[in-house]
Amino acid sequence: MSNPQNIIFRNVQVIDGNEDEAFAADVLVRDGEIAAVERGGDLPETDDRCIDGQGRTLMSGLCDAHTHLSWNSGDLDAIGGLALEEHVLVCAESARILLDSGYTMAVGAAAAKMRLDVATRDAINAGMIPGPRYLAAVREICSPAGMLVPNISTQVSGVEEMRKAVRDGLRLGADIIKIIQSGESITQRAWAKDDYLTDEEVAVAVEEAHRLGRRVATHARSTESCLKAARNGVDIFYHMSYADEECIDLIAERKDEVFVAPGLHWLYASLYEAGDFGFPQEAAEAVGYKLELDAGIEGLKEMHKRGIRVLPGGDYGFAWTPHGTNARDLEHFVELLGFTPMEAIKSATVHGGAIMQDDKLGKVERGYTADLLLVDGDPLSDIAVLQDSSKIVGIMKGGCFHKDPDVSDLLAQTN
């Protein structure tokens, strides 16, 4: 990784994560941090490199809160048998694609082999490979009946086996422990409305993770699984399709501690966009995806209304949700959940910093880490612009350009 540069961004529209509107400003980056945000563009001339933003948008890098780096954007059933060497390359490529797409933060939501996430995180942190700031998971933990994909999970029966599985994951360096409480209806054997883990199994997973300052995330779709997760102290809630009022009440009581990342694009794409991959809409509706999407939308609207932090993270890495299309979630938040574009952006930036447990991430503000995007467009008027990586002309992580806007402009002029 190169050393941080001293940069002045001039003539930019800043989405800072605090205000409800963008504003014109100059932004100074020094030693990997944001040193000044000067409204009106009045920063004095210096010897620092100057980037003319040409009226483009400067904003924080994005966060994907439900990431599977070891999913291969193809045949998920095959990844359990993928050789380790090839699987490492899959993870490295997924990490690069995420950063290329403007995602400077990501939360691991299970790995196909125990140390794939951990090794990838460590390689990113060491500057060996490009990628986002990453919280690593290990293999997801499930009951034998709750296995979703063959050969990529740790199966447990009972409290002591759960305790051991969690301790093993923590010993290997996991930041996040992921448990599977309900099914996935596309399997046609482990269903969304099923409930596989006992209260005691969920509670001991949380107890063991919290003992070492780590967090537990859950795959919970059914009403009962959502309730068990909420009442036993789970930290990160994935899916929550059939969360009822009691569950939302429990989560709202802890809204300053917990996060919901529903994996919305997985449901949407499985229902409407998987036909070319052998899963037509009629089949998706037959196993309940239309009912689940509708129920999930209503519950998520209520969570948002009550101030629960709902974050994007659409379960990318499947054939019809490939890595690099992650910003589809932001459009779904606006079109399906009724977020304003600014609320959607804050969910992926401000809340992203919070879920990463780093109070210097997610805003364009003095003292914050310089993880920045320069966007050729206005995501407040067109949130879909963030889906076009060619429009993200500058990507900075820790004060270093992963994608240099001057190079992007030069390439655009020659094409």
Protein backbone atom coordinates (compact mmCIF):
# COMPACT_ATOMS: atom_id res chain seq x y z
CA MET A 1 0.00 0.00 0.00
CA SER A 2 1.29 3.45 -0.89
CA ASN A 3 1.80 6.16 1.69
CA PRO A 4 -1.06 8.61 2.32
CA GLN A 5 -0.96 11.74 0.18
CA ASN A 6 -1.69 15.32 1.15
CA ILE A 7 -4.60 16.33 -1.07
CA ILE A 8 -6.98 19.25 -1.45
CA PHE A 9 -10.31 18.48 -3.10
CA ARG A 10 -11.67 21.71 -4.54
CA ASN A 11 -15.01 22.45 -6.19
CA VAL A 12 -16.86 19.47 -4.71
CA GLN A 13 -20.34 18.94 -3.34
CA VAL A 14 -19.91 17.28 0.04
CA ILE A 15 -22.24 14.73 1.60
CA ASP A 16 -20.75 14.79 5.08
CA GLY A 17 -23.06 12.42 6.97
CA ASN A 18 -24.33 15.15 9.28
CA GLU A 19 -26.31 17.54 7.11
CA ASP A 20 -29.47 16.66 5.21
CA GLU A 21 -28.21 18.29 2.02
CA ALA A 22 -24.93 18.36 0.14
CA PHE A 23 -22.93 21.59 0.27
CA ALA A 24 -20.08 23.18 -1.67
CA ALA A 25 -16.73 22.92 0.08
CA ASP A 26 -13.01 22.32 -0.16
CA VAL A 27 -11.70 19.27 1.71
CA LEU A 28 -8.10 18.86 2.91
CA VAL A 29 -6.65 15.39 3.47
CA ARG A 30 -3.39 15.01 5.36
CA ASP A 31 -1.69 11.95 6.84
CA GLY A 32 -4.62 9.73 6.04
CA GLU A 33 -7.19 11.89 7.80
CA ILE A 34 -9.58 14.66 6.87
CA ALA A 35 -7.83 17.77 8.14
CA ALA A 36 -10.39 20.39 7.12
CA VAL A 37 -13.80 20.78 5.48
CA GLU A 38 -14.14 24.40 4.40
CA ARG A 39 -17.60 25.43 3.24
CA GLY A 40 -17.67 27.71 0.27
CA GLY A 41 -14.28 26.59 -1.00
CA ASP A 42 -12.04 29.00 0.91
CA LEU A 43 -9.07 26.81 1.79
CA PRO A 44 -5.85 28.76 1.11
CA GLU A 45 -3.47 27.73 -1.64
CA THR A 46 -0.78 25.25 -0.54
CA ASP A 47 1.85 23.02 -2.10
CA ASP A 48 -0.46 20.01 -1.59
CA ARG A 49 -1.77 18.20 -4.63
CA CYS A 50 -5.05 19.73 -5.78
CA ILE A 51 -7.93 17.71 -7.23
CA ASP A 52 -10.50 19.78 -9.12
CA GLY A 53 -13.74 18.00 -8.37
CA GLN A 54 -15.56 19.81 -11.19
CA GLY A 55 -18.70 20.00 -9.06
CA ARG A 56 -18.77 16.26 -8.38
CA THR A 57 -19.93 14.67 -5.14
CA LEU A 58 -17.43 13.87 -2.38
CA MET A 59 -18.73 11.42 0.21
CA SER A 60 -17.63 8.66 2.56
CA GLY A 61 -16.89 5.21 1.26
CA LEU A 62 -19.74 2.74 1.60
CA CYS A 63 -20.29 -0.26 3.87
CA ASP A 64 -21.75 -3.64 2.95
CA ALA A 65 -22.99 -5.16 6.20
CA HIS A 66 -23.65 -8.68 4.87
CA THR A 67 -20.62 -9.85 2.90
CA HIS A 68 -19.52 -13.25 1.66
CA LEU A 69 -16.08 -12.86 0.11
CA SER A 70 -15.75 -16.60 -0.41
CA TRP A 71 -18.98 -16.91 -2.39
CA ASN A 72 -18.00 -17.15 -6.04
CA SER A 73 -20.85 -15.33 -7.85
CA GLY A 74 -21.73 -18.65 -9.45
CA ASP A 75 -22.51 -22.19 -8.37
CA LEU A 76 -22.76 -21.95 -4.59
CA ASP A 77 -23.22 -25.70 -4.21
CA ALA A 78 -19.75 -26.15 -5.72
CA ILE A 79 -17.86 -23.88 -3.35
CA GLY A 80 -17.77 -26.45 -0.55
CA GLY A 81 -15.54 -28.58 -2.73
CA LEU A 82 -13.41 -25.78 -4.16
CA ALA A 83 -9.71 -26.34 -3.53
CA LEU A 84 -8.16 -24.05 -0.94
CA GLU A 85 -5.74 -22.43 -3.36
CA GLU A 86 -8.48 -21.45 -5.80
CA HIS A 87 -10.70 -20.34 -2.95
CA VAL A 88 -8.09 -17.92 -1.65
CA LEU A 89 -8.02 -16.32 -5.10
CA VAL A 90 -11.82 -16.06 -5.11
CA CYS A 91 -11.68 -14.14 -1.83
CA ALA A 92 -8.95 -11.80 -3.05
CA GLU A 93 -10.91 -11.06 -6.22
CA SER A 94 -14.14 -10.44 -4.28
CA ALA A 95 -12.33 -8.02 -1.97
CA ARG A 96 -10.90 -6.08 -4.92
CA ILE A 97 -14.29 -5.90 -6.62
CA LEU A 98 -15.87 -4.51 -3.45
CA LEU A 99 -13.30 -1.74 -3.20
CA ASP A 100 -13.55 -1.05 -6.95
CA SER A 101 -17.29 -0.54 -6.37
CA GLY A 102 -16.76 2.10 -3.68
CA TYR A 103 -17.08 -0.14 -0.63
CA THR A 104 -14.36 0.75 1.86
CA MET A 105 -16.05 -1.13 4.74
CA ALA A 106 -17.55 -4.62 4.90
CA VAL A 107 -18.83 -7.04 7.52
CA GLY A 108 -18.23 -10.74 6.94
CA ALA A 109 -21.39 -12.83 7.14
CA ALA A 110 -19.80 -16.30 6.94
CA ALA A 111 -16.93 -17.88 5.05
CA ALA A 112 -16.95 -21.16 3.16
CA LYS A 113 -13.79 -22.37 4.96
CA MET A 114 -12.80 -21.55 8.49
CA ARG A 115 -9.91 -19.14 7.90
CA LEU A 116 -10.67 -17.69 4.45
CA ASP A 117 -12.14 -14.47 5.83
CA VAL A 118 -9.48 -14.15 8.51
CA ALA A 119 -6.62 -14.61 6.06
CA THR A 120 -8.19 -12.18 3.58
CA ARG A 121 -8.74 -9.56 6.29
CA ASP A 122 -5.15 -9.89 7.45
CA ALA A 123 -3.81 -9.64 3.89
CA ILE A 124 -5.85 -6.48 3.28
CA ASN A 125 -4.64 -4.95 6.53
CA ALA A 126 -1.03 -5.79 5.63
CA GLY A 127 -1.38 -4.11 2.24
CA MET A 128 -0.81 -7.37 0.34
CA ILE A 129 -4.10 -7.16 -1.58
CA PRO A 130 -6.65 -4.38 -2.17
CA GLY A 131 -9.94 -4.55 -0.32
CA PRO A 132 -12.23 -2.84 2.15
CA ARG A 133 -11.75 -2.60 5.87
CA TYR A 134 -13.13 -5.96 6.84
CA LEU A 135 -14.61 -7.75 9.84
CA ALA A 136 -13.95 -11.46 9.37
CA ALA A 137 -16.29 -14.36 10.01
CA VAL A 138 -15.68 -18.10 9.99
CA ARG A 139 -18.00 -20.86 8.82
CA GLU A 140 -21.59 -20.32 9.87
CA ILE A 141 -22.87 -22.49 12.72
CA CYS A 142 -26.09 -24.46 12.23
CA SER A 143 -28.01 -27.47 13.43
CA PRO A 144 -27.89 -30.56 11.18
CA ALA A 145 -31.43 -29.81 9.97
CA GLY A 146 -30.59 -26.16 9.36
CA MET A 147 -27.69 -26.66 6.97
CA LEU A 148 -28.24 -24.36 3.96
CA VAL A 149 -25.34 -25.29 1.64
CA PRO A 150 -23.33 -28.52 1.85
CA ASN A 151 -19.79 -28.46 3.25
CA ILE A 152 -19.56 -24.78 4.23
CA SER A 153 -20.97 -24.81 7.76
CA THR A 154 -20.17 -26.14 11.22
CA GLN A 155 -22.99 -28.36 12.47
CA VAL A 156 -23.81 -28.52 16.18
CA SER A 157 -26.34 -30.26 18.40
CA GLY A 158 -26.76 -28.88 21.88
CA VAL A 159 -25.25 -26.20 24.06
CA GLU A 160 -21.78 -27.67 24.55
CA GLU A 161 -21.22 -28.27 20.84
CA MET A 162 -22.33 -24.67 20.18
CA ARG A 163 -19.93 -23.42 22.85
CA LYS A 164 -17.05 -25.32 21.29
CA ALA A 165 -17.87 -24.12 17.77
CA VAL A 166 -17.92 -20.50 18.88
CA ARG A 167 -14.69 -20.86 20.82
CA ASP A 168 -13.02 -22.50 17.81
CA GLY A 169 -14.03 -19.60 15.59
CA LEU A 170 -12.80 -17.02 18.05
CA ARG A 171 -9.50 -18.87 18.47
CA LEU A 172 -8.97 -18.64 14.72
CA GLY A 173 -9.42 -14.87 14.77
CA ALA A 174 -13.06 -14.25 13.89
CA ASP A 175 -14.51 -10.80 14.50
CA ILE A 176 -18.05 -12.06 13.91
CA ILE A 177 -19.72 -15.37 14.79
CA LYS A 178 -22.63 -16.22 12.48
CA ILE A 179 -25.39 -18.61 13.51
CA ILE A 180 -28.18 -20.06 11.34
CA GLN A 181 -31.54 -20.01 13.11
CA SER A 182 -33.91 -20.49 10.20
CA GLY A 183 -33.86 -21.84 6.68
CA GLU A 184 -33.68 -20.59 3.10
CA SER A 185 -36.67 -21.62 1.04
CA ILE A 186 -34.79 -22.00 -2.24
CA THR A 187 -33.30 -25.19 -0.75
CA GLN A 188 -36.83 -26.68 -0.57
CA ARG A 189 -35.83 -28.51 2.60
CA ALA A 190 -34.77 -25.81 5.10
CA TRP A 191 -37.58 -23.28 5.05
CA ALA A 192 -37.70 -19.57 5.92
CA LYS A 193 -40.40 -20.13 8.53
CA ASP A 194 -38.45 -22.91 10.28
CA ASP A 195 -36.67 -22.46 13.61
CA TYR A 196 -33.63 -24.65 14.27
CA LEU A 197 -31.75 -23.46 17.37
CA THR A 198 -32.92 -23.46 20.97
CA ASP A 199 -32.89 -20.43 23.22
CA GLU A 200 -30.06 -22.06 25.15
CA GLU A 201 -27.95 -22.59 22.01
CA VAL A 202 -28.40 -18.99 20.91
CA ALA A 203 -27.67 -17.68 24.40
CA VAL A 204 -24.42 -19.62 24.78
CA ALA A 205 -23.21 -18.41 21.37
CA VAL A 206 -23.74 -14.83 22.52
CA GLU A 207 -22.18 -15.51 25.93
CA GLU A 208 -19.00 -16.97 24.46
CA ALA A 209 -18.59 -14.28 21.79
CA HIS A 210 -19.24 -11.42 24.19
CA ARG A 211 -16.78 -12.87 26.69
CA LEU A 212 -13.99 -11.97 24.24
CA GLY A 213 -15.55 -8.75 22.98
CA ARG A 214 -16.81 -10.25 19.72
CA ARG A 215 -20.31 -10.13 18.24
CA VAL A 216 -22.89 -12.62 17.01
CA ALA A 217 -24.81 -12.26 13.76
CA THR A 218 -27.79 -14.40 12.90
CA HIS A 219 -29.56 -15.67 9.80
CA ALA A 220 -33.11 -15.37 11.14
CA ARG A 221 -36.19 -15.26 8.92
CA SER A 222 -38.98 -16.96 10.89
CA THR A 223 -40.89 -15.17 13.63
CA GLU A 224 -39.67 -17.50 16.38
CA SER A 225 -36.03 -17.35 15.30
CA CYS A 226 -36.17 -13.55 15.22
CA LEU A 227 -37.64 -13.53 18.72
CA LYS A 228 -34.98 -15.89 20.08
CA ALA A 229 -32.23 -13.76 18.60
CA ALA A 230 -33.70 -10.57 20.05
CA ARG A 231 -34.27 -11.87 23.56
CA ASN A 232 -30.87 -13.57 23.81
CA GLY A 233 -28.71 -10.58 22.92
CA VAL A 234 -27.69 -11.17 19.30
CA ASP A 235 -25.89 -8.13 17.90
CA ILE A 236 -26.44 -8.21 14.12
CA PHE A 237 -29.71 -9.39 12.59
CA TYR A 238 -29.74 -10.70 9.03
CA HIS A 239 -32.98 -11.00 7.05
CA MET A 240 -35.70 -10.66 9.76
CA SER A 241 -38.38 -11.29 7.16
CA TYR A 242 -41.12 -12.39 9.56
CA ALA A 243 -40.15 -10.32 12.62
CA ASP A 244 -43.35 -9.50 14.50
CA GLU A 245 -44.23 -6.54 16.72
CA GLU A 246 -42.85 -8.21 19.85
CA CYS A 247 -39.52 -8.79 18.15
CA ILE A 248 -39.34 -5.23 16.81
CA ASP A 249 -40.13 -3.96 20.31
CA LEU A 250 -37.20 -5.95 21.73
CA ILE A 251 -34.81 -4.72 19.06
CA ALA A 252 -35.98 -1.12 19.49
CA GLU A 253 -35.07 -1.32 23.19
CA ARG A 254 -31.46 -2.00 22.07
CA LYS A 255 -31.44 0.19 18.97
CA ASP A 256 -28.21 1.92 19.99
CA GLU A 257 -26.42 -1.44 20.25
CA VAL A 258 -27.72 -3.57 17.39
CA PHE A 259 -27.93 -3.53 13.61
CA VAL A 260 -30.25 -5.03 11.01
CA ALA A 261 -28.93 -5.94 7.54
CA PRO A 262 -31.84 -7.63 5.77
CA GLY A 263 -30.16 -8.89 2.62
CA LEU A 264 -32.91 -7.23 0.64
CA HIS A 265 -31.46 -7.71 -2.82
CA TRP A 266 -31.22 -11.48 -2.36
CA LEU A 267 -34.99 -11.65 -1.90
CA TYR A 268 -35.73 -9.22 -4.72
CA ALA A 269 -33.35 -10.82 -7.22
CA SER A 270 -34.39 -14.36 -6.31
CA LEU A 271 -37.98 -13.38 -7.03
CA TYR A 272 -37.56 -11.27 -10.16
CA GLU A 273 -34.10 -11.78 -11.66
CA ALA A 274 -33.11 -15.44 -11.27
CA GLY A 275 -35.01 -16.87 -14.23
CA ASP A 276 -31.95 -17.00 -16.48
CA PHE A 277 -30.26 -19.13 -13.83
CA GLY A 278 -32.98 -21.76 -13.65
CA PHE A 279 -35.11 -20.25 -10.89
CA PRO A 280 -38.07 -18.51 -12.61
CA GLN A 281 -40.46 -16.18 -10.81
CA GLU A 282 -43.18 -18.84 -10.65
CA ALA A 283 -40.81 -21.15 -8.77
CA ALA A 284 -39.75 -18.36 -6.43
CA GLU A 285 -43.36 -17.51 -5.65
CA ALA A 286 -44.18 -21.18 -5.13
CA VAL A 287 -41.62 -21.49 -2.33
CA GLY A 288 -42.75 -18.26 -0.69
CA TYR A 289 -40.36 -15.53 -1.80
CA LYS A 290 -43.13 -13.07 -2.77
CA LEU A 291 -44.80 -13.46 0.61
CA GLU A 292 -41.46 -13.17 2.36
CA LEU A 293 -40.40 -10.05 0.48
CA ASP A 294 -43.72 -8.34 1.18
CA ALA A 295 -43.58 -9.24 4.87
CA GLY A 296 -39.96 -8.16 5.13
CA ILE A 297 -40.65 -4.78 3.55
CA GLU A 298 -43.40 -4.00 6.04
CA GLY A 299 -41.28 -5.00 9.03
CA LEU A 300 -38.26 -3.06 7.81
CA LYS A 301 -40.35 0.06 7.26
CA GLU A 302 -41.47 -0.18 10.88
CA MET A 303 -37.90 -0.71 12.10
CA HIS A 304 -36.73 2.34 10.17
CA LYS A 305 -39.63 4.40 11.53
CA ARG A 306 -38.60 3.46 15.07
CA GLY A 307 -34.98 4.45 14.62
CA ILE A 308 -33.48 0.96 14.38
CA ARG A 309 -30.33 1.03 12.27
CA VAL A 310 -31.06 -0.81 9.03
CA LEU A 311 -28.02 -1.23 6.78
CA PRO A 312 -27.51 -2.35 3.18
CA GLY A 313 -25.92 -5.69 2.51
CA GLY A 314 -27.83 -7.79 0.01
CA ASP A 315 -26.19 -11.21 0.37
CA TYR A 316 -24.04 -10.75 -2.74
CA GLY A 317 -21.92 -13.48 -4.28
CA PHE A 318 -24.65 -15.68 -5.75
CA ALA A 319 -25.11 -16.12 -9.49
CA TRP A 320 -27.93 -13.57 -9.68
CA THR A 321 -26.45 -11.28 -7.00
CA PRO A 322 -22.82 -11.07 -8.13
CA HIS A 323 -20.14 -9.15 -6.29
CA GLY A 324 -19.90 -5.60 -7.57
CA THR A 325 -23.66 -5.03 -7.75
CA ASN A 326 -23.85 -4.23 -4.03
CA ALA A 327 -25.29 -0.72 -4.46
CA ARG A 328 -28.54 -2.24 -5.71
CA ASP A 329 -29.48 -2.35 -2.03
CA LEU A 330 -29.39 1.45 -1.78
CA GLU A 331 -31.93 1.72 -4.59
CA HIS A 332 -34.13 -0.87 -2.87
CA PHE A 333 -33.98 1.12 0.36
CA VAL A 334 -35.37 4.13 -1.51
CA GLU A 335 -37.83 2.37 -3.82
CA LEU A 336 -39.10 -0.38 -1.49
CA LEU A 337 -38.55 0.87 2.07
CA GLY A 338 -39.28 4.57 1.57
CA PHE A 339 -35.88 5.87 2.65
CA THR A 340 -34.87 9.23 1.26
CA PRO A 341 -31.66 9.04 -0.80
CA MET A 342 -29.83 10.77 2.04
CA GLU A 343 -31.15 8.24 4.55
CA ALA A 344 -30.00 5.41 2.30
CA ILE A 345 -26.54 6.95 1.99
CA LYS A 346 -26.27 7.48 5.74
CA SER A 347 -27.29 3.86 6.30
CA ALA A 348 -24.27 2.80 4.23
CA THR A 349 -21.83 5.38 5.60
CA VAL A 350 -22.64 6.70 9.08
CA HIS A 351 -24.20 3.42 10.21
CA GLY A 352 -21.39 1.63 8.38
CA GLY A 353 -18.82 3.28 10.62
CA ALA A 354 -20.90 2.31 13.63
CA ILE A 355 -21.19 -1.38 12.70
CA MET A 356 -17.43 -1.41 12.04
CA GLN A 357 -17.03 -0.08 15.61
CA ASP A 358 -14.82 2.75 14.41
CA ASP A 359 -15.87 6.27 15.35
CA LYS A 360 -13.59 7.74 12.67
CA LEU A 361 -15.34 6.08 9.71
CA GLY A 362 -18.45 6.99 7.73
CA LYS A 363 -18.35 10.79 7.59
CA VAL A 364 -16.59 13.60 5.74
CA GLU A 365 -15.61 15.52 8.84
CA ARG A 366 -12.43 16.86 10.36
CA GLY A 367 -10.56 14.11 12.23
CA TYR A 368 -12.22 11.27 10.34
CA THR A 369 -10.25 8.72 8.35
CA ALA A 370 -9.99 9.72 4.69
CA ASP A 371 -12.03 6.91 3.14
CA LEU A 372 -13.67 8.90 0.35
CA LEU A 373 -15.50 8.56 -2.94
CA LEU A 374 -15.55 11.16 -5.71
CA VAL A 375 -18.73 10.53 -7.70
CA ASP A 376 -19.46 11.93 -11.14
CA GLY A 377 -23.11 12.55 -10.42
CA ASP A 378 -25.51 13.40 -7.62
CA PRO A 379 -26.64 10.34 -5.65
CA LEU A 380 -29.20 12.51 -3.84
CA SER A 381 -31.10 12.97 -7.08
CA ASP A 382 -30.21 9.56 -8.57
CA ILE A 383 -29.21 6.95 -5.99
CA ALA A 384 -28.59 4.45 -8.82
CA VAL A 385 -25.48 6.38 -9.90
CA LEU A 386 -23.61 4.50 -7.15
CA GLN A 387 -24.23 1.25 -9.07
CA ASP A 388 -22.04 2.47 -11.96
CA SER A 389 -18.40 2.04 -10.98
CA SER A 390 -17.34 4.18 -13.95
CA LYS A 391 -19.11 7.10 -12.25
CA ILE A 392 -17.09 6.57 -9.07
CA VAL A 393 -14.06 8.34 -10.49
CA GLY A 394 -12.08 8.49 -7.25
CA ILE A 395 -11.76 5.95 -4.43
CA MET A 396 -9.56 6.81 -1.45
CA LYS A 397 -8.87 4.56 1.51
CA GLY A 398 -6.85 5.89 4.42
CA GLY A 399 -5.65 8.86 2.39
CA CYS A 400 -4.35 6.66 -0.46
CA PHE A 401 -6.00 6.51 -3.85
CA HIS A 402 -7.17 3.08 -4.88
CA LYS A 403 -8.65 4.80 -7.94
CA ASP A 404 -7.08 8.15 -8.82
CA PRO A 405 -9.55 10.69 -10.26
CA ASP A 406 -6.89 12.29 -12.46
CA VAL A 407 -6.20 8.91 -14.05
CA SER A 408 -9.94 8.28 -14.44
CA ASP A 409 -10.37 11.61 -16.22
CA LEU A 410 -7.39 10.92 -18.48
CA LEU A 411 -8.76 7.51 -19.44
CA ALA A 412 -12.17 9.03 -20.13
CA GLN A 413 -10.60 11.60 -22.46
CA THR A 414 -8.73 8.95 -24.45
CA ASN A 415 -11.71 6.59 -24.86
